[in-house]
Amino acid sequence: MVPIQVDGQRLLDHLAELAQIGADPTGGMTRLAYSPTDQQARAWFVSKAEEIGLAVSVDPVGNMLALEPGAGNGLPVLSGSHLDTVRRGGRFDGMLGVTAALEAVRAIRHRPDLPRGRPLGVLVLAAEESTRFGSVCLGSRTIVNDLPVDALQTLADANGVTLFEALQQAGLAPERLSEARRKPGWFYEFVEIHVDQADDLVRAGVPVGIITGIAAPTRLWITVEGQQAHSGAALMSERRDALTGAAEIVLTVEAIARTLADREIVGTVGVLRVQPGSMNTVPGLVELGVDIRGIKATTVDQVVEQVKQAADQVAEKRRLTVKISVVSRARPVQVSQRQIDRLIEACQTAGVEQIRLASRSAHDAMYLGQHGPISMLFVRNPAGISHNPAEEAQDEDIIAAGSVLATYLAWLAGQN
């Protein structure tokens, strides 16, 4: 491998420019998918990609591919991420991957001495965050045919705007959804840089992490039904309290996940809806939204089964009715040892210290892994938190990761 240095100041300047688009006076930024601020960020990307000689195409759901023309006929080597954010999000989630990819491609194009057989491209995936429509990675899932057509009408935001309507308002073509789908094998490799969303790299004292696998969520919707009753008249021995049963299930999800924490399992109950929601009424119905994640599908399936069995036991003990449905099930992705070894070599070539770690959050790369090889790099986050205005990355770490990416992409682009 040949070390490739990126223009660090320009990379930092690009991040600063994007941070102003949708900036919130109270901190962070808000660029919900297909919103005017998201559109502004997308226009910014097109101008920067064309500035370095890339040809930009946009598919019917808003995925943008900025491809290098005339650089070989092989499958393209791609890098990128997303530009939409959560409400009051940080300055790096998604943006770091896009800006680093732009700068890496620019640096490689300035090196005509490098062997080249494959074009380079920057891929910006649409609607990665679930904040607006309650469903994650809409752009990458469309590419791999994981988003059904009826989702265009069933997914809607808090104002009742459907995904179909939002796409139309953004000047896209939802009626041509099928044209955004691709067949497996359309790229040589996709590489995504992302800020660390926890404190793994801070604790390790290194700037860069090489991802070995991406955890995927399985989401359950659990309905616990008991009997609504007067809180004063209903004796404790006669109650069929849906909320106390739901509380047992919540604690069971936590307990099961804790026993498998060494296998990178996490379990969360993020939604709890109680009916009728009156202080003087025994709850008759409770709904729970459960998120279970892991880097191995078999372990996730094992946890789901344990949760189902525990919920049945709670129902029997408390004379309740429990119904469980699987809302969504994504499959974890393992990064191949070949990719991991080559990324380690790229780090060594660039003089950047690194460790291996798993990503416990889902990313577009996870879905694109259904179509070809993927790899990921994490950048140290001193704040140890993401999806938050406090999200951070040090300038020197950003520049180091950008140079690792450029070194790796240049090597990939030279492969037969």
Protein backbone atom coordinates (compact mmCIF):
# COMPACT_ATOMS: atom_id res chain seq x y z
CA MET A 1 0.00 0.00 0.00
CA VAL A 2 1.03 3.60 -0.66
CA PRO A 3 0.27 6.18 2.05
CA ILE A 4 -2.14 8.87 0.84
CA GLN A 5 -2.52 12.08 2.79
CA VAL A 6 -5.76 14.06 2.65
CA ASP A 7 -6.06 17.83 2.93
CA GLY A 8 -6.96 17.90 6.61
CA GLN A 9 -7.97 21.55 6.76
CA ARG A 10 -10.36 21.21 3.85
CA LEU A 11 -11.91 18.13 5.46
CA LEU A 12 -12.46 20.05 8.70
CA ASP A 13 -13.84 23.04 6.78
CA HIS A 14 -16.35 20.81 4.99
CA LEU A 15 -17.54 19.39 8.30
CA ALA A 16 -17.94 22.93 9.66
CA GLU A 17 -19.93 24.00 6.59
CA LEU A 18 -22.34 21.08 6.91
CA ALA A 19 -22.77 21.76 10.63
CA GLN A 20 -24.33 25.13 9.75
CA ILE A 21 -27.06 23.57 7.63
CA GLY A 22 -30.01 22.99 9.95
CA ALA A 23 -28.10 24.29 12.98
CA ASP A 24 -30.33 24.49 16.05
CA PRO A 25 -30.02 27.59 18.29
CA THR A 26 -30.16 25.31 21.33
CA GLY A 27 -27.35 23.10 20.03
CA GLY A 28 -26.75 20.45 17.41
CA MET A 29 -28.57 20.36 14.12
CA THR A 30 -31.79 19.02 12.69
CA ARG A 31 -31.96 17.75 9.12
CA LEU A 32 -34.80 15.27 8.96
CA ALA A 33 -34.96 13.10 5.85
CA TYR A 34 -36.26 14.93 2.75
CA SER A 35 -36.80 18.17 4.69
CA PRO A 36 -35.68 21.54 3.27
CA THR A 37 -32.49 21.44 5.38
CA ASP A 38 -31.75 17.91 4.17
CA GLN A 39 -32.23 19.16 0.61
CA GLN A 40 -29.81 21.99 1.29
CA ALA A 41 -27.16 19.55 2.55
CA ARG A 42 -27.70 17.35 -0.50
CA ALA A 43 -27.20 20.34 -2.80
CA TRP A 44 -23.98 21.12 -0.93
CA PHE A 45 -22.76 17.58 -1.61
CA VAL A 46 -23.54 17.77 -5.33
CA SER A 47 -21.55 20.99 -5.67
CA LYS A 48 -18.53 19.52 -3.85
CA ALA A 49 -18.63 16.26 -5.81
CA GLU A 50 -18.83 18.06 -9.15
CA GLU A 51 -16.01 20.36 -8.03
CA ILE A 52 -13.63 17.39 -7.97
CA GLY A 53 -14.86 16.00 -11.28
CA LEU A 54 -17.37 13.38 -10.17
CA ALA A 55 -20.59 12.71 -12.08
CA VAL A 56 -23.60 12.70 -9.75
CA SER A 57 -26.74 10.62 -10.28
CA VAL A 58 -29.80 10.53 -8.02
CA ASP A 59 -32.19 7.58 -7.82
CA PRO A 60 -35.98 7.83 -7.20
CA VAL A 61 -35.65 7.72 -3.38
CA GLY A 62 -32.76 10.18 -3.18
CA ASN A 63 -29.65 8.01 -2.97
CA MET A 64 -26.81 9.98 -4.58
CA LEU A 65 -23.87 8.34 -6.35
CA ALA A 66 -20.96 10.58 -7.32
CA LEU A 67 -18.85 8.43 -9.63
CA GLU A 68 -15.42 9.03 -11.10
CA PRO A 69 -15.58 9.00 -14.91
CA GLY A 70 -12.98 7.37 -17.13
CA ALA A 71 -11.05 5.53 -14.43
CA GLY A 72 -11.35 1.92 -15.53
CA ASN A 73 -14.15 -0.46 -16.34
CA GLY A 74 -14.08 -2.53 -13.17
CA LEU A 75 -16.70 -2.49 -10.46
CA PRO A 76 -16.56 0.80 -8.53
CA VAL A 77 -14.95 1.22 -5.13
CA LEU A 78 -17.37 3.21 -2.99
CA SER A 79 -17.28 5.12 0.27
CA GLY A 80 -19.80 7.37 1.96
CA SER A 81 -22.60 7.58 4.51
CA HIS A 82 -25.67 9.81 5.03
CA LEU A 83 -26.51 13.51 5.52
CA ASP A 84 -29.84 13.38 7.36
CA THR A 85 -29.78 13.69 11.15
CA VAL A 86 -31.87 13.04 14.23
CA ARG A 87 -33.41 16.03 15.99
CA ARG A 88 -30.62 18.09 17.55
CA GLY A 89 -28.02 15.63 16.34
CA GLY A 90 -24.25 15.90 16.49
CA ARG A 91 -21.78 17.25 13.92
CA PHE A 92 -20.26 13.96 12.81
CA ASP A 93 -22.85 11.17 12.52
CA GLY A 94 -23.14 10.54 8.78
CA MET A 95 -21.34 13.74 7.82
CA LEU A 96 -17.91 12.42 8.76
CA GLY A 97 -18.35 9.49 6.37
CA VAL A 98 -19.46 11.73 3.49
CA THR A 99 -16.80 14.41 3.87
CA ALA A 100 -13.97 11.92 4.45
CA ALA A 101 -15.00 10.03 1.32
CA LEU A 102 -15.02 13.22 -0.76
CA GLU A 103 -11.60 14.23 0.47
CA ALA A 104 -10.13 10.73 0.04
CA VAL A 105 -11.33 10.52 -3.56
CA ARG A 106 -9.98 14.01 -4.25
CA ALA A 107 -6.56 13.04 -2.84
CA ILE A 108 -6.36 9.87 -4.93
CA ARG A 109 -7.37 11.71 -8.12
CA HIS A 110 -4.43 14.03 -7.55
CA ARG A 111 -2.08 11.04 -7.74
CA PRO A 112 -1.87 9.98 -11.41
CA ASP A 113 1.10 7.76 -10.54
CA LEU A 114 -1.11 5.28 -8.68
CA PRO A 115 -2.18 2.06 -10.45
CA ARG A 116 -5.88 2.29 -11.28
CA GLY A 117 -8.30 -0.28 -12.61
CA ARG A 118 -11.51 0.70 -10.83
CA PRO A 119 -13.43 3.95 -10.59
CA LEU A 120 -13.98 5.56 -7.21
CA GLY A 121 -17.33 6.82 -6.03
CA VAL A 122 -18.97 8.58 -3.09
CA LEU A 123 -22.34 7.13 -2.12
CA VAL A 124 -24.74 9.21 -0.01
CA LEU A 125 -27.62 7.11 1.28
CA ALA A 126 -31.02 8.71 1.85
CA ALA A 127 -33.05 8.68 5.07
CA GLU A 128 -30.66 6.65 7.22
CA GLU A 129 -32.12 7.92 10.48
CA SER A 130 -35.51 6.65 11.62
CA THR A 131 -36.45 9.95 13.28
CA ARG A 132 -38.96 11.18 10.69
CA PHE A 133 -40.64 7.99 9.47
CA GLY A 134 -39.91 5.55 12.28
CA SER A 135 -37.97 3.21 10.01
CA VAL A 136 -34.22 3.14 9.51
CA CYS A 137 -31.95 3.12 6.42
CA LEU A 138 -34.69 3.68 3.85
CA GLY A 139 -32.27 4.46 1.03
CA SER A 140 -29.93 1.50 1.43
CA ARG A 141 -32.86 -0.84 2.09
CA THR A 142 -34.46 0.27 -1.15
CA ILE A 143 -31.26 -0.53 -3.03
CA VAL A 144 -31.18 -4.11 -1.69
CA ASN A 145 -34.97 -4.57 -2.15
CA ASP A 146 -35.66 -4.70 1.59
CA LEU A 147 -38.22 -1.87 1.55
CA PRO A 148 -41.66 -2.97 0.28
CA VAL A 149 -43.60 -0.70 -2.05
CA ASP A 150 -46.46 -0.34 0.44
CA ALA A 151 -44.04 1.35 2.87
CA LEU A 152 -44.38 4.46 0.72
CA GLN A 153 -47.94 4.82 2.00
CA THR A 154 -47.76 3.15 5.43
CA LEU A 155 -44.77 5.12 6.71
CA ALA A 156 -45.68 8.65 7.76
CA ASP A 157 -44.19 11.40 9.90
CA ALA A 158 -45.69 13.09 12.96
CA ASN A 159 -47.62 15.49 10.71
CA GLY A 160 -49.19 12.68 8.71
CA VAL A 161 -47.00 13.22 5.64
CA THR A 162 -46.42 9.83 4.02
CA LEU A 163 -43.06 8.76 2.69
CA PHE A 164 -44.56 8.92 -0.81
CA GLU A 165 -45.62 12.54 -0.29
CA ALA A 166 -42.28 13.52 1.26
CA LEU A 167 -40.41 12.09 -1.73
CA GLN A 168 -42.64 14.04 -4.10
CA GLN A 169 -42.15 17.23 -2.10
CA ALA A 170 -38.38 16.71 -2.38
CA GLY A 171 -38.64 16.51 -6.17
CA LEU A 172 -38.04 12.76 -6.30
CA ALA A 173 -40.03 10.01 -8.02
CA PRO A 174 -41.54 7.50 -5.57
CA GLU A 175 -43.71 6.01 -8.30
CA ARG A 176 -40.45 4.72 -9.84
CA LEU A 177 -39.24 3.05 -6.64
CA SER A 178 -38.23 -0.14 -8.47
CA GLU A 179 -35.60 1.80 -10.45
CA ALA A 180 -33.66 2.41 -7.22
CA ARG A 181 -33.20 -1.32 -6.67
CA ARG A 182 -29.95 -2.89 -7.78
CA LYS A 183 -28.70 -6.40 -8.24
CA PRO A 184 -26.04 -7.89 -5.96
CA GLY A 185 -22.47 -7.44 -7.09
CA TRP A 186 -22.77 -3.89 -8.47
CA PHE A 187 -19.81 -2.56 -6.45
CA TYR A 188 -16.37 -3.92 -5.56
CA GLU A 189 -16.44 -2.78 -1.93
CA PHE A 190 -18.22 -0.17 0.18
CA VAL A 191 -16.28 1.49 3.00
CA GLU A 192 -18.00 3.65 5.62
CA ILE A 193 -16.31 5.90 8.18
CA HIS A 194 -18.38 6.73 11.25
CA VAL A 195 -17.82 8.44 14.57
CA ASP A 196 -17.73 6.00 17.48
CA GLN A 197 -21.15 6.10 19.14
CA ALA A 198 -19.81 4.96 22.51
CA ASP A 199 -16.51 5.29 24.38
CA ASP A 200 -14.73 2.14 23.21
CA LEU A 201 -11.93 4.02 21.45
CA VAL A 202 -11.59 6.55 24.26
CA ARG A 203 -11.09 3.76 26.78
CA ALA A 204 -8.60 2.05 24.47
CA GLY A 205 -6.72 5.31 23.91
CA VAL A 206 -6.57 4.91 20.11
CA PRO A 207 -7.96 7.13 17.32
CA VAL A 208 -9.39 4.51 14.96
CA GLY A 209 -11.38 1.31 15.27
CA ILE A 210 -11.71 -1.37 12.60
CA ILE A 211 -15.18 -2.87 12.67
CA THR A 212 -15.39 -6.67 12.72
CA GLY A 213 -19.18 -6.92 12.59
CA ILE A 214 -22.31 -4.76 12.61
CA ALA A 215 -25.08 -5.57 15.05
CA ALA A 216 -28.62 -5.60 13.72
CA PRO A 217 -31.90 -4.95 15.52
CA THR A 218 -34.84 -7.29 15.87
CA ARG A 219 -37.84 -5.29 17.07
CA LEU A 220 -40.81 -6.75 18.92
CA TRP A 221 -44.20 -5.28 19.70
CA ILE A 222 -45.66 -6.82 22.83
CA THR A 223 -49.26 -6.32 23.92
CA VAL A 224 -50.17 -7.21 27.51
CA GLU A 225 -53.89 -7.37 28.22
CA GLY A 226 -55.42 -7.68 31.68
CA GLN A 227 -58.58 -6.23 33.17
CA GLN A 228 -59.21 -2.54 33.70
CA ALA A 229 -60.65 -1.92 37.18
CA HIS A 230 -61.16 0.69 39.90
CA SER A 231 -57.95 1.12 41.89
CA GLY A 232 -59.84 1.26 45.16
CA ALA A 233 -62.42 -1.43 44.63
CA ALA A 234 -60.24 -4.09 43.02
CA LEU A 235 -58.58 -6.26 45.66
CA MET A 236 -54.89 -7.01 45.17
CA SER A 237 -55.58 -10.74 45.06
CA GLU A 238 -58.12 -10.32 42.25
CA ARG A 239 -56.28 -7.93 40.00
CA ARG A 240 -55.19 -8.66 36.45
CA ASP A 241 -52.88 -5.65 36.20
CA ALA A 242 -51.41 -5.34 32.72
CA LEU A 243 -48.78 -2.83 33.84
CA THR A 244 -47.24 -4.94 36.60
CA GLY A 245 -47.04 -7.80 34.12
CA ALA A 246 -45.44 -5.52 31.57
CA ALA A 247 -42.97 -4.34 34.22
CA GLU A 248 -41.85 -7.94 34.74
CA ILE A 249 -41.30 -8.30 30.99
CA VAL A 250 -39.26 -5.07 30.88
CA LEU A 251 -36.96 -6.33 33.64
CA THR A 252 -36.74 -9.74 31.99
CA VAL A 253 -35.53 -8.19 28.72
CA GLU A 254 -32.82 -6.41 30.67
CA ALA A 255 -31.84 -9.52 32.63
CA ILE A 256 -31.60 -11.75 29.55
CA ALA A 257 -29.48 -9.19 27.69
CA ARG A 258 -27.17 -8.79 30.68
CA THR A 259 -26.48 -12.53 30.81
CA LEU A 260 -25.33 -12.40 27.17
CA ALA A 261 -23.50 -9.06 27.29
CA ASP A 262 -20.19 -10.80 26.57
CA ARG A 263 -21.67 -11.77 23.19
CA GLU A 264 -22.41 -8.14 22.30
CA ILE A 265 -26.15 -8.45 23.03
CA VAL A 266 -28.18 -5.45 24.15
CA GLY A 267 -31.90 -5.29 24.91
CA THR A 268 -34.03 -2.17 25.26
CA VAL A 269 -37.68 -1.44 25.96
CA GLY A 270 -38.04 2.03 24.48
CA VAL A 271 -41.83 2.27 24.22
CA LEU A 272 -44.37 1.76 27.00
CA ARG A 273 -48.00 2.74 26.39
CA VAL A 274 -50.43 2.32 29.25
CA GLN A 275 -54.21 2.35 28.93
CA PRO A 276 -56.31 3.97 30.19
CA GLY A 277 -53.53 5.94 31.90
CA SER A 278 -55.49 7.07 34.92
CA MET A 279 -54.09 7.17 38.46
CA ASN A 280 -57.24 5.63 39.96
CA THR A 281 -57.55 2.82 37.42
CA VAL A 282 -55.80 -0.54 37.25
CA PRO A 283 -54.25 -0.63 33.76
CA GLY A 284 -56.03 -2.99 31.41
CA LEU A 285 -53.73 -2.79 28.40
CA VAL A 286 -50.03 -2.08 27.95
CA GLU A 287 -47.98 -2.02 24.76
CA LEU A 288 -44.20 -2.38 24.71
CA GLY A 289 -41.71 -1.68 21.95
CA VAL A 290 -38.62 -3.89 22.34
CA ASP A 291 -35.28 -3.56 20.53
CA ILE A 292 -32.83 -6.49 20.70
CA ARG A 293 -29.45 -6.20 18.99
CA GLY A 294 -26.43 -8.40 18.48
CA ILE A 295 -23.67 -9.16 16.01
CA LYS A 296 -24.72 -12.80 15.53
CA ALA A 297 -28.16 -13.69 14.23
CA THR A 298 -28.31 -16.96 16.16
CA THR A 299 -27.74 -15.19 19.47
CA VAL A 300 -30.36 -12.54 18.70
CA ASP A 301 -32.84 -15.28 17.81
CA GLN A 302 -32.00 -17.03 21.09
CA VAL A 303 -32.79 -13.86 23.06
CA VAL A 304 -36.06 -13.32 21.20
CA GLU A 305 -37.14 -16.86 22.05
CA GLN A 306 -36.21 -16.40 25.71
CA VAL A 307 -38.22 -13.17 25.87
CA LYS A 308 -41.23 -14.92 24.35
CA GLN A 309 -41.02 -17.77 26.85
CA ALA A 310 -40.64 -15.39 29.79
CA ALA A 311 -43.61 -13.31 28.62
CA ASP A 312 -45.75 -16.46 28.41
CA GLN A 313 -44.77 -17.35 31.98
CA VAL A 314 -45.71 -13.87 33.19
CA ALA A 315 -49.05 -14.13 31.42
CA GLU A 316 -49.84 -17.48 33.01
CA LYS A 317 -48.79 -16.39 36.50
CA ARG A 318 -50.75 -13.12 36.41
CA ARG A 319 -53.76 -14.32 34.36
CA LEU A 320 -52.95 -11.99 31.48
CA THR A 321 -52.97 -12.30 27.71
CA VAL A 322 -49.70 -11.56 25.94
CA LYS A 323 -49.29 -11.18 22.19
CA ILE A 324 -45.89 -10.75 20.57
CA SER A 325 -45.23 -9.76 16.98
CA VAL A 326 -41.91 -9.27 15.21
CA VAL A 327 -42.03 -5.76 13.73
CA SER A 328 -38.71 -6.01 11.89
CA ARG A 329 -35.70 -8.28 11.75
CA ALA A 330 -32.43 -7.19 10.21
CA ARG A 331 -29.52 -9.55 9.88
CA PRO A 332 -26.10 -8.72 11.38
CA VAL A 333 -23.14 -8.49 9.04
CA GLN A 334 -19.69 -9.91 9.67
CA VAL A 335 -16.79 -8.10 8.00
CA SER A 336 -14.51 -10.58 6.26
CA GLN A 337 -11.08 -11.26 7.70
CA ARG A 338 -9.56 -10.16 4.38
CA GLN A 339 -11.08 -6.68 4.73
CA ILE A 340 -10.03 -6.45 8.38
CA ASP A 341 -6.44 -7.44 7.58
CA ARG A 342 -6.18 -4.96 4.72
CA LEU A 343 -7.58 -2.13 6.84
CA ILE A 344 -5.02 -2.93 9.53
CA GLU A 345 -2.36 -2.68 6.83
CA ALA A 346 -3.79 0.66 5.71
CA CYS A 347 -3.63 1.96 9.27
CA GLN A 348 -0.04 0.78 9.62
CA THR A 349 0.87 2.33 6.27
CA ALA A 350 -0.66 5.66 7.36
CA GLY A 351 0.97 5.40 10.79
CA VAL A 352 -2.34 5.32 12.67
CA GLU A 353 -2.90 3.20 15.76
CA GLN A 354 -6.06 1.07 15.75
CA ILE A 355 -8.03 -1.66 17.50
CA ARG A 356 -10.75 -4.03 16.39
CA LEU A 357 -14.28 -3.64 17.72
CA ALA A 358 -17.89 -4.42 16.87
CA SER A 359 -20.48 -1.83 15.90
CA ARG A 360 -23.49 -2.17 18.18
CA SER A 361 -25.50 0.24 16.04
CA ALA A 362 -26.91 -0.41 12.58
CA HIS A 363 -25.54 1.45 9.56
CA ASP A 364 -26.20 1.61 5.82
CA ALA A 365 -23.15 -0.62 5.37
CA MET A 366 -25.07 -3.40 7.12
CA TYR A 367 -27.71 -3.47 4.37
CA LEU A 368 -25.25 -2.91 1.52
CA GLY A 369 -23.43 -5.97 2.81
CA GLN A 370 -26.21 -8.00 1.17
CA HIS A 371 -24.88 -6.87 -2.22
CA GLY A 372 -21.12 -6.99 -1.78
CA PRO A 373 -18.11 -6.67 0.55
CA ILE A 374 -18.30 -3.88 3.11
CA SER A 375 -15.96 -2.52 5.75
CA MET A 376 -16.11 0.21 8.39
CA LEU A 377 -13.81 2.48 10.35
CA PHE A 378 -14.79 4.21 13.60
CA VAL A 379 -13.22 7.46 14.78
CA ARG A 380 -12.68 8.21 18.47
CA ASN A 381 -15.43 10.22 20.16
CA PRO A 382 -14.19 11.91 23.38
CA ALA A 383 -17.79 12.59 24.45
CA GLY A 384 -18.63 8.88 24.32
CA ILE A 385 -22.11 9.70 23.05
CA SER A 386 -23.82 10.12 19.68
CA HIS A 387 -27.19 11.42 18.44
CA ASN A 388 -26.49 14.32 20.76
CA PRO A 389 -25.09 17.86 20.30
CA ALA A 390 -22.17 16.83 22.54
CA GLU A 391 -20.95 14.27 19.95
CA GLU A 392 -17.28 14.97 19.27
CA ALA A 393 -14.20 14.01 17.29
CA GLN A 394 -10.74 15.54 17.52
CA ASP A 395 -9.27 17.23 14.47
CA GLU A 396 -6.16 15.05 14.41
CA ASP A 397 -8.24 11.85 14.64
CA ILE A 398 -10.49 12.96 11.78
CA ILE A 399 -7.51 13.73 9.56
CA ALA A 400 -5.78 10.46 10.48
CA ALA A 401 -8.91 8.45 9.64
CA GLY A 402 -9.28 10.33 6.35
CA SER A 403 -5.73 9.36 5.38
CA VAL A 404 -6.36 5.72 6.32
CA LEU A 405 -9.48 5.76 4.14
CA ALA A 406 -7.62 7.32 1.20
CA THR A 407 -4.78 4.78 1.54
CA TYR A 408 -7.24 1.89 1.61
CA LEU A 409 -9.42 3.17 -1.25
CA ALA A 410 -6.34 3.75 -3.42
CA TRP A 411 -5.25 0.16 -2.83
CA LEU A 412 -8.73 -1.17 -3.64
CA ALA A 413 -8.94 0.90 -6.81
CA GLY A 414 -5.68 -0.64 -8.01
CA GLN A 415 -6.85 -4.25 -7.60
CA ASN A 416 -7.62 -6.41 -10.65
